[in-house]
C-alpha atoms as a PDB file:
ATOM      1  CA  MET A   1      93.632  80.109 137.941  1.00  0.00           C
ATOM      2  CA  LEU A   2      96.191  77.095 137.223  1.00  0.00           C
ATOM      3  CA  LEU A   3      95.890  74.015 135.748  1.00  0.00           C
ATOM      4  CA  LYS A   4      97.668  70.621 136.002  1.00  0.00           C
ATOM      5  CA  ALA A   5      97.707  67.445 133.843  1.00  0.00           C
ATOM      6  CA  ASN A   6     100.134  64.853 133.513  1.00  0.00           C
ATOM      7  CA  ARG A   7     100.142  64.929 129.416  1.00  0.00           C
ATOM      8  CA  LEU A   8      99.200  67.581 126.699  1.00  0.00           C
ATOM      9  CA  ASP A   9      96.373  67.135 124.324  1.00  0.00           C
ATOM     10  CA  HIS A  10      96.731  67.016 120.516  1.00  0.00           C
ATOM     11  CA  GLY A  11      97.575  71.024 120.473  1.00  0.00           C
ATOM     12  CA  GLN A  12     100.323  70.256 122.867  1.00  0.00           C
ATOM     13  CA  MET A  13      98.858  72.354 125.621  1.00  0.00           C
ATOM     14  CA  VAL A  14      97.641  71.137 128.851  1.00  0.00           C
ATOM     15  CA  TYR A  15      94.195  72.310 127.925  1.00  0.00           C
ATOM     16  CA  ASP A  16      93.359  75.023 125.728  1.00  0.00           C
ATOM     17  CA  PHE A  17      91.951  78.117 127.431  1.00  0.00           C
ATOM     18  CA  GLY A  18      89.951  78.797 124.577  1.00  0.00           C
ATOM     19  CA  LEU A  19      87.921  75.891 125.816  1.00  0.00           C
ATOM     20  CA  LEU A  20      87.671  77.962 129.105  1.00  0.00           C
ATOM     21  CA  LYS A  21      85.634  80.866 127.743  1.00  0.00           C
ATOM     22  CA  GLY A  22      82.512  78.477 128.373  1.00  0.00           C
ATOM     23  CA  VAL A  23      80.929  77.306 131.645  1.00  0.00           C
ATOM     24  CA  ILE A  24      84.237  78.520 133.752  1.00  0.00           C
ATOM     25  CA  LYS A  25      84.168  81.725 132.418  1.00  0.00           C
ATOM     26  CA  ASP A  26      80.264  82.855 132.826  1.00  0.00           C
ATOM     27  CA  LEU A  27      80.648  81.778 136.449  1.00  0.00           C
ATOM     28  CA  PHE A  28      83.581  83.337 137.340  1.00  0.00           C
ATOM     29  CA  ASP A  29      82.111  86.559 135.419  1.00  0.00           C
ATOM     30  CA  SER A  30      79.454  86.051 138.245  1.00  0.00           C
ATOM     31  CA  PHE A  31      80.863  87.608 140.893  1.00  0.00           C
ATOM     32  CA  ASP A  32      81.512  91.212 139.122  1.00  0.00           C
ATOM     33  CA  HIS A  33      79.376  93.626 139.862  1.00  0.00           C
ATOM     34  CA  ALA A  34      77.556  90.727 142.242  1.00  0.00           C
ATOM     35  CA  ILE A  35      76.995  91.427 146.005  1.00  0.00           C
ATOM     36  CA  CYS A  36      78.086  88.349 147.610  1.00  0.00           C
ATOM     37  CA  PHE A  37      76.928  86.873 151.237  1.00  0.00           C
ATOM     38  CA  TRP A  38      77.163  84.605 153.256  1.00  0.00           C
ATOM     39  CA  GLN A  39      73.976  82.598 154.479  1.00  0.00           C
ATOM     40  CA  ASN A  40      74.812  82.595 158.262  1.00  0.00           C
ATOM     41  CA  ASP A  41      74.801  86.542 157.716  1.00  0.00           C
ATOM     42  CA  ASP A  42      71.596  88.085 159.575  1.00  0.00           C
ATOM     43  CA  GLN A  43      68.419  87.516 157.742  1.00  0.00           C
ATOM     44  CA  GLU A  44      67.435  91.022 157.439  1.00  0.00           C
ATOM     45  CA  TYR A  45      71.280  91.819 155.739  1.00  0.00           C
ATOM     46  CA  ILE A  46      70.297  89.344 152.981  1.00  0.00           C
ATOM     47  CA  ALA A  47      66.997  90.592 152.480  1.00  0.00           C
ATOM     48  CA  ALA A  48      67.878  94.091 152.009  1.00  0.00           C
ATOM     49  CA  CYS A  49      71.115  92.503 149.755  1.00  0.00           C
ATOM     50  CA  LYS A  50      68.007  90.622 147.343  1.00  0.00           C
ATOM     51  CA  LYS A  51      65.886  94.066 147.880  1.00  0.00           C
ATOM     52  CA  PHE A  52      68.536  96.406 146.193  1.00  0.00           C
ATOM     53  CA  SER A  53      69.927  93.934 143.775  1.00  0.00           C
ATOM     54  CA  ALA A  54      69.214  91.920 140.868  1.00  0.00           C
ATOM     55  CA  ARG A  55      72.446  90.459 141.098  1.00  0.00           C
ATOM     56  CA  TRP A  56      73.608  88.470 144.115  1.00  0.00           C
ATOM     57  CA  ILE A  57      75.070  85.276 145.311  1.00  0.00           C
ATOM     58  CA  ALA A  58      74.425  83.428 147.782  1.00  0.00           C
ATOM     59  CA  LEU A  59      77.613  81.179 149.699  1.00  0.00           C
ATOM     60  CA  PRO A  60      78.152  78.893 152.336  1.00  0.00           C
ATOM     61  CA  VAL A  61      81.141  80.922 153.611  1.00  0.00           C
ATOM     62  CA  SER A  62      82.031  84.312 154.146  1.00  0.00           C
ATOM     63  CA  PRO A  63      83.004  86.438 150.796  1.00  0.00           C
ATOM     64  CA  SER A  64      86.566  87.078 151.802  1.00  0.00           C
ATOM     65  CA  ALA A  65      89.417  86.422 149.270  1.00  0.00           C
ATOM     66  CA  GLU A  66      90.385  83.478 150.702  1.00  0.00           C
ATOM     67  CA  GLN A  67      87.482  81.682 150.168  1.00  0.00           C
ATOM     68  CA  PHE A  68      86.657  83.138 147.543  1.00  0.00           C
ATOM     69  CA  SER A  69      90.124  81.434 146.196  1.00  0.00           C
ATOM     70  CA  ARG A  70      88.655  78.455 147.413  1.00  0.00           C
ATOM     71  CA  ILE A  71      84.912  78.504 145.505  1.00  0.00           C
ATOM     72  CA  PHE A  72      86.260  79.403 142.676  1.00  0.00           C
ATOM     73  CA  PHE A  73      88.933  76.310 142.143  1.00  0.00           C
ATOM     74  CA  PHE A  74      86.258  74.658 143.476  1.00  0.00           C
ATOM     75  CA  LEU A  75      83.305  75.281 140.959  1.00  0.00           C
ATOM     76  CA  ALA A  76      86.084  75.500 138.148  1.00  0.00           C
ATOM     77  CA  GLN A  77      87.477  71.336 138.936  1.00  0.00           C
ATOM     78  CA  GLN A  78      83.151  71.078 138.954  1.00  0.00           C
ATOM     79  CA  VAL A  79      83.405  72.014 136.125  1.00  0.00           C
ATOM     80  CA  LEU A  80      86.331  70.059 134.855  1.00  0.00           C
ATOM     81  CA  ASN A  81      85.239  66.748 135.980  1.00  0.00           C
ATOM     82  CA  SER A  82      82.027  67.497 134.311  1.00  0.00           C
ATOM     83  CA  THR A  83      83.410  68.186 130.525  1.00  0.00           C
ATOM     84  CA  VAL A  84      83.995  65.540 127.945  1.00  0.00           C
ATOM     85  CA  THR A  85      87.030  66.382 126.389  1.00  0.00           C
ATOM     86  CA  GLN A  86      87.485  65.881 122.699  1.00  0.00           C
ATOM     87  CA  ASN A  87      91.323  67.027 121.980  1.00  0.00           C
ATOM     88  CA  GLY A  88      93.373  64.372 123.904  1.00  0.00           C
ATOM     89  CA  GLU A  89      93.241  66.334 127.154  1.00  0.00           C
ATOM     90  CA  GLY A  90      94.683  64.058 130.367  1.00  0.00           C
ATOM     91  CA  ASP A  91      94.246  64.279 133.791  1.00  0.00           C
ATOM     92  CA  VAL A  92      93.145  68.015 133.889  1.00  0.00           C
ATOM     93  CA  GLU A  93      92.833  69.711 137.436  1.00  0.00           C
ATOM     94  CA  VAL A  94      92.885  72.647 139.025  1.00  0.00           C
ATOM     95  CA  TYR A  95      96.303  73.215 140.509  1.00  0.00           C
ATOM     96  CA  SER A  96      95.568  76.454 142.252  1.00  0.00           C
ATOM     97  CA  VAL A  97      93.512  79.398 142.111  1.00  0.00           C
ATOM     98  CA  ILE A  98      95.047  82.915 143.019  1.00  0.00           C
ATOM     99  CA  VAL A  99      92.322  86.074 143.787  1.00  0.00           C
ATOM    100  CA  HIS A 100      94.084  89.330 144.731  1.00  0.00           C
ATOM    101  CA  GLU A 101      92.743  91.308 147.412  1.00  0.00           C
ATOM    102  CA  THR A 102      95.654  94.046 146.244  1.00  0.00           C
ATOM    103  CA  ASP A 103      98.311  95.098 143.681  1.00  0.00           C
ATOM    104  CA  THR A 104     100.618  92.534 146.432  1.00  0.00           C
ATOM    105  CA  GLY A 105      97.954  90.907 148.676  1.00  0.00           C
ATOM    106  CA  TYR A 106      96.116  87.802 147.435  1.00  0.00           C
ATOM    107  CA  ALA A 107      94.513  84.720 148.716  1.00  0.00           C
ATOM    108  CA  GLN A 108      96.074  81.335 146.845  1.00  0.00           C
ATOM    109  CA  SER A 109      93.706  77.629 147.257  1.00  0.00           C
ATOM    110  CA  PHE A 110      94.983  74.132 147.123  1.00  0.00           C
ATOM    111  CA  GLN A 111      93.464  70.830 146.882  1.00  0.00           C
ATOM    112  CA  GLU A 112      94.018  70.436 150.403  1.00  0.00           C
ATOM    113  CA  ASP A 113      92.371  73.520 150.709  1.00  0.00           C
ATOM    114  CA  ILE A 114      89.164  71.966 149.367  1.00  0.00           C
ATOM    115  CA  GLU A 115      88.906  69.330 152.099  1.00  0.00           C
ATOM    116  CA  ASN A 116      89.260  71.004 154.573  1.00  0.00           C
ATOM    117  CA  LYS A 117      86.428  70.783 156.604  1.00  0.00           C
ATOM    118  CA  GLN A 118      87.705  73.113 158.996  1.00  0.00           C
ATOM    119  CA  MET A 119      87.630  75.596 156.123  1.00  0.00           C
ATOM    120  CA  GLY A 120      83.687  75.803 155.593  1.00  0.00           C
ATOM    121  CA  LEU A 121      82.091  72.559 153.594  1.00  0.00           C
ATOM    122  CA  LEU A 122      81.611  73.466 149.450  1.00  0.00           C
ATOM    123  CA  GLN A 123      79.076  71.651 148.195  1.00  0.00           C
ATOM    124  CA  LEU A 124      77.228  73.534 144.796  1.00  0.00           C
ATOM    125  CA  GLU A 125      73.894  73.460 145.811  1.00  0.00           C
ATOM    126  CA  GLN A 126      74.988  75.549 148.513  1.00  0.00           C
ATOM    127  CA  ILE A 127      76.033  77.876 146.085  1.00  0.00           C
ATOM    128  CA  GLU A 128      73.143  79.831 144.986  1.00  0.00           C
ATOM    129  CA  PHE A 129      72.861  82.395 142.066  1.00  0.00           C
ATOM    130  CA  SER A 130      70.391  85.108 141.594  1.00  0.00           C
ATOM    131  CA  GLU A 131      67.658  84.663 138.650  1.00  0.00           C
ATOM    132  CA  GLN A 132      69.129  87.627 137.245  1.00  0.00           C
ATOM    133  CA  VAL A 133      72.916  86.208 137.031  1.00  0.00           C
ATOM    134  CA  GLN A 134      71.662  83.125 135.466  1.00  0.00           C
ATOM    135  CA  GLN A 135      69.640  84.504 132.910  1.00  0.00           C
ATOM    136  CA  GLU A 136      73.445  86.433 131.627  1.00  0.00           C
ATOM    137  CA  TRP A 137      75.321  83.280 130.985  1.00  0.00           C
ATOM    138  CA  ALA A 138      75.837  81.476 127.560  1.00  0.00           C
ATOM    139  CA  ASP A 139      73.256  79.060 129.136  1.00  0.00           C
ATOM    140  CA  PRO A 140      70.562  79.874 132.079  1.00  0.00           C
ATOM    141  CA  THR A 141      70.413  76.551 132.574  1.00  0.00           C
ATOM    142  CA  MET A 142      74.244  75.143 133.144  1.00  0.00           C
ATOM    143  CA  TYR A 143      74.294  75.391 136.736  1.00  0.00           C
ATOM    144  CA  GLU A 144      71.541  73.058 137.358  1.00  0.00           C
ATOM    145  CA  ARG A 145      73.664  71.212 134.995  1.00  0.00           C
ATOM    146  CA  LEU A 146      75.899  71.196 136.733  1.00  0.00           C
ATOM    147  CA  LYS A 147      74.231  69.881 139.892  1.00  0.00           C
ATOM    148  CA  GLN A 148      72.723  67.224 138.477  1.00  0.00           C
ATOM    149  CA  GLY A 149      75.638  65.910 136.518  1.00  0.00           C
ATOM    150  CA  LEU A 150      74.871  66.120 133.645  1.00  0.00           C
ATOM    151  CA  LYS A 151      78.296  66.279 131.382  1.00  0.00           C
ATOM    152  CA  PHE A 152      79.443  69.482 129.140  1.00  0.00           C
ATOM    153  CA  GLU A 153      81.430  68.694 125.996  1.00  0.00           C
ATOM    154  CA  ASN A 154      84.224  70.478 124.675  1.00  0.00           C
ATOM    155  CA  PRO A 155      84.373  70.935 120.855  1.00  0.00           C
ATOM    156  CA  GLY A 156      87.160  69.074 119.150  1.00  0.00           C
ATOM    157  CA  VAL A 157      89.768  70.960 117.915  1.00  0.00           C
ATOM    158  CA  GLU A 158      91.112  69.864 113.848  1.00  0.00           C
ATOM    159  CA  LEU A 159      94.769  70.259 113.705  1.00  0.00           C
ATOM    160  CA  GLN A 160      95.491  71.729 110.691  1.00  0.00           C
ATOM    161  CA  VAL A 161      98.842  70.976 109.343  1.00  0.00           C
ATOM    162  CA  LYS A 162     100.692  73.652 106.680  1.00  0.00           C
ATOM    163  CA  LEU A 163     103.310  72.169 104.282  1.00  0.00           C
END
């Protein structure tokens, strides 16, 4: 994931990547070893996925590298938009997301790909995480909070200067 901003924070960074290790990391890690399926897949297939795995994610688009890059971009941007910053961060945005299929093959998404209706509309309410996946998050209510528009708060960082 690549970020952009028009100014640097108090630590002279676009964004402290340590702060990304909360909600965004939990959401991204959810996809590791989870069965992902398109909500338009055959209903018998979906039922089998849910029957044989407690870790599943239902998506409004086909689970391809191209769509995963869009989903990760969308989720990260939603979290950043819902985060109250404490460290002087500017207007931090996701610039792009790259998802590798192989060592040399990848899909990359930009903002215009998220807004492209031909590629499939993305909304938080359309992405469903199984109960098992949610229980693995540091805050099992975080996705519901995100969907409700509740704010997340980044911790403040104290700058220490040694003389």
